[in-house]
C-alpha atoms as a PDB file:
ATOM      1  CA  MET A   1     113.866  99.449 119.724  1.00  0.00           C
ATOM      2  CA  GLY A   2     110.639 101.376 119.348  1.00  0.00           C
ATOM      3  CA  LYS A   3     108.385 101.126 116.354  1.00  0.00           C
ATOM      4  CA  TRP A   4     109.522 104.611 115.204  1.00  0.00           C
ATOM      5  CA  SER A   5     113.184 103.552 114.997  1.00  0.00           C
ATOM      6  CA  LEU A   6     114.951 103.979 111.653  1.00  0.00           C
ATOM      7  CA  LYS A   7     116.301 100.438 112.031  1.00  0.00           C
ATOM      8  CA  ASN A   8     112.759  99.053 111.950  1.00  0.00           C
ATOM      9  CA  SER A   9     111.355  97.679 108.711  1.00  0.00           C
ATOM     10  CA  ASN A  10     112.225  99.960 105.794  1.00  0.00           C
ATOM     11  CA  HIS A  11     111.943 103.309 107.565  1.00  0.00           C
ATOM     12  CA  LEU A  12     115.392 104.427 106.387  1.00  0.00           C
ATOM     13  CA  TYR A  13     114.330 103.688 102.797  1.00  0.00           C
ATOM     14  CA  HIS A  14     111.241 105.861 103.251  1.00  0.00           C
ATOM     15  CA  LEU A  15     113.329 108.677 104.751  1.00  0.00           C
ATOM     16  CA  ILE A  16     115.827 108.623 101.858  1.00  0.00           C
ATOM     17  CA  ILE A  17     113.067 108.551  99.224  1.00  0.00           C
ATOM     18  CA  GLY A  18     111.365 111.449 101.031  1.00  0.00           C
ATOM     19  CA  ILE A  19     114.595 113.480 101.029  1.00  0.00           C
ATOM     20  CA  TYR A  20     114.991 112.903  97.311  1.00  0.00           C
ATOM     21  CA  ALA A  21     111.365 113.889  96.671  1.00  0.00           C
ATOM     22  CA  GLY A  22     111.667 117.056  98.750  1.00  0.00           C
ATOM     23  CA  LEU A  23     114.969 117.964  97.145  1.00  0.00           C
ATOM     24  CA  SER A  24     113.732 117.497  93.593  1.00  0.00           C
ATOM     25  CA  SER A  25     110.249 119.001  94.019  1.00  0.00           C
ATOM     26  CA  THR A  26     108.344 120.341  97.040  1.00  0.00           C
ATOM     27  CA  ILE A  27     106.863 119.047 100.255  1.00  0.00           C
ATOM     28  CA  LEU A  28     103.630 118.434  98.357  1.00  0.00           C
ATOM     29  CA  GLY A  29     105.549 116.167  96.002  1.00  0.00           C
ATOM     30  CA  ALA A  30     106.936 114.303  99.004  1.00  0.00           C
ATOM     31  CA  ILE A  31     103.422 113.833 100.386  1.00  0.00           C
ATOM     32  CA  ASN A  32     102.347 112.433  97.020  1.00  0.00           C
ATOM     33  CA  VAL A  33     105.334 110.075  96.997  1.00  0.00           C
ATOM     34  CA  ALA A  34     104.547 108.938 100.559  1.00  0.00           C
ATOM     35  CA  SER A  35     100.954 108.190  99.584  1.00  0.00           C
ATOM     36  CA  ALA A  36     102.063 106.379  96.426  1.00  0.00           C
ATOM     37  CA  LEU A  37     104.486 104.199  98.395  1.00  0.00           C
ATOM     38  CA  GLU A  38     101.767 103.245 100.855  1.00  0.00           C
ATOM     39  CA  GLY A  39      99.311 102.676  97.992  1.00  0.00           C
ATOM     40  CA  LYS A  40     101.831 100.277  96.478  1.00  0.00           C
ATOM     41  CA  ASP A  41     102.004  98.438  99.806  1.00  0.00           C
ATOM     42  CA  LEU A  42      98.198  98.231  99.865  1.00  0.00           C
ATOM     43  CA  GLN A  43      98.178  96.679  96.395  1.00  0.00           C
ATOM     44  CA  TYR A  44     100.780  94.089  97.370  1.00  0.00           C
ATOM     45  CA  ASN A  45      98.673  93.188 100.419  1.00  0.00           C
ATOM     46  CA  ASN A  46      95.500  92.700  98.331  1.00  0.00           C
ATOM     47  CA  TRP A  47      93.973  96.013  99.452  1.00  0.00           C
ATOM     48  CA  ASN A  48      93.980  94.989 103.101  1.00  0.00           C
ATOM     49  CA  LEU A  49      93.270  98.404 104.656  1.00  0.00           C
ATOM     50  CA  LYS A  50      95.059  97.370 107.842  1.00  0.00           C
ATOM     51  CA  SER A  51      98.332  97.362 105.904  1.00  0.00           C
ATOM     52  CA  TRP A  52      98.442 101.182 105.531  1.00  0.00           C
ATOM     53  CA  ASP A  53     101.475 102.124 107.614  1.00  0.00           C
ATOM     54  CA  TRP A  54     101.249 105.659 108.946  1.00  0.00           C
ATOM     55  CA  ILE A  55     104.740 105.391 110.406  1.00  0.00           C
ATOM     56  CA  ASP A  56     106.285 104.722 106.967  1.00  0.00           C
ATOM     57  CA  TRP A  57     104.163 107.549 105.524  1.00  0.00           C
ATOM     58  CA  THR A  58     105.349 109.915 108.265  1.00  0.00           C
ATOM     59  CA  TRP A  59     109.021 109.001 107.731  1.00  0.00           C
ATOM     60  CA  THR A  60     108.633 109.774 104.028  1.00  0.00           C
ATOM     61  CA  VAL A  61     107.061 113.167 104.797  1.00  0.00           C
ATOM     62  CA  ILE A  62     109.811 113.939 107.342  1.00  0.00           C
ATOM     63  CA  GLY A  63     112.350 113.119 104.639  1.00  0.00           C
ATOM     64  CA  GLY A  64     110.465 115.459 102.300  1.00  0.00           C
ATOM     65  CA  ILE A  65     110.710 118.268 104.847  1.00  0.00           C
ATOM     66  CA  LEU A  66     114.462 117.667 105.201  1.00  0.00           C
ATOM     67  CA  GLY A  67     114.859 117.592 101.417  1.00  0.00           C
ATOM     68  CA  GLN A  68     112.930 120.851 101.087  1.00  0.00           C
ATOM     69  CA  ILE A  69     115.184 122.486 103.694  1.00  0.00           C
ATOM     70  CA  ILE A  70     118.280 121.300 101.804  1.00  0.00           C
ATOM     71  CA  GLN A  71     116.781 122.622  98.555  1.00  0.00           C
ATOM     72  CA  LEU A  72     116.131 126.035 100.119  1.00  0.00           C
ATOM     73  CA  ILE A  73     119.683 126.206 101.502  1.00  0.00           C
ATOM     74  CA  ILE A  74     121.103 125.397  98.055  1.00  0.00           C
ATOM     75  CA  LEU A  75     118.898 128.012  96.405  1.00  0.00           C
ATOM     76  CA  TYR A  76     119.885 130.604  99.023  1.00  0.00           C
ATOM     77  CA  LYS A  77     123.584 129.894  98.398  1.00  0.00           C
ATOM     78  CA  ILE A  78     123.085 130.260  94.633  1.00  0.00           C
ATOM     79  CA  ILE A  79     121.129 133.523  94.863  1.00  0.00           C
ATOM     80  CA  TYR A  80     123.212 135.259  97.579  1.00  0.00           C
END
């Protein structure tokens, strides 16, 4: 299993949270949520800057993009 696998660590959790953030707001909201989740991890690791996980951040943003696409599909179905 590669380090980008959804079965690694809590990547699936980050993806699901990102989808929810993108669905309920915008991609910018998902980016904010991704940064907040990683900031929380930094605090729990005593501000050890090596603990910032770009892979988790990226999975959250990917989830936000998917959530935004779902939101746009729903809005399109409502309007047309």
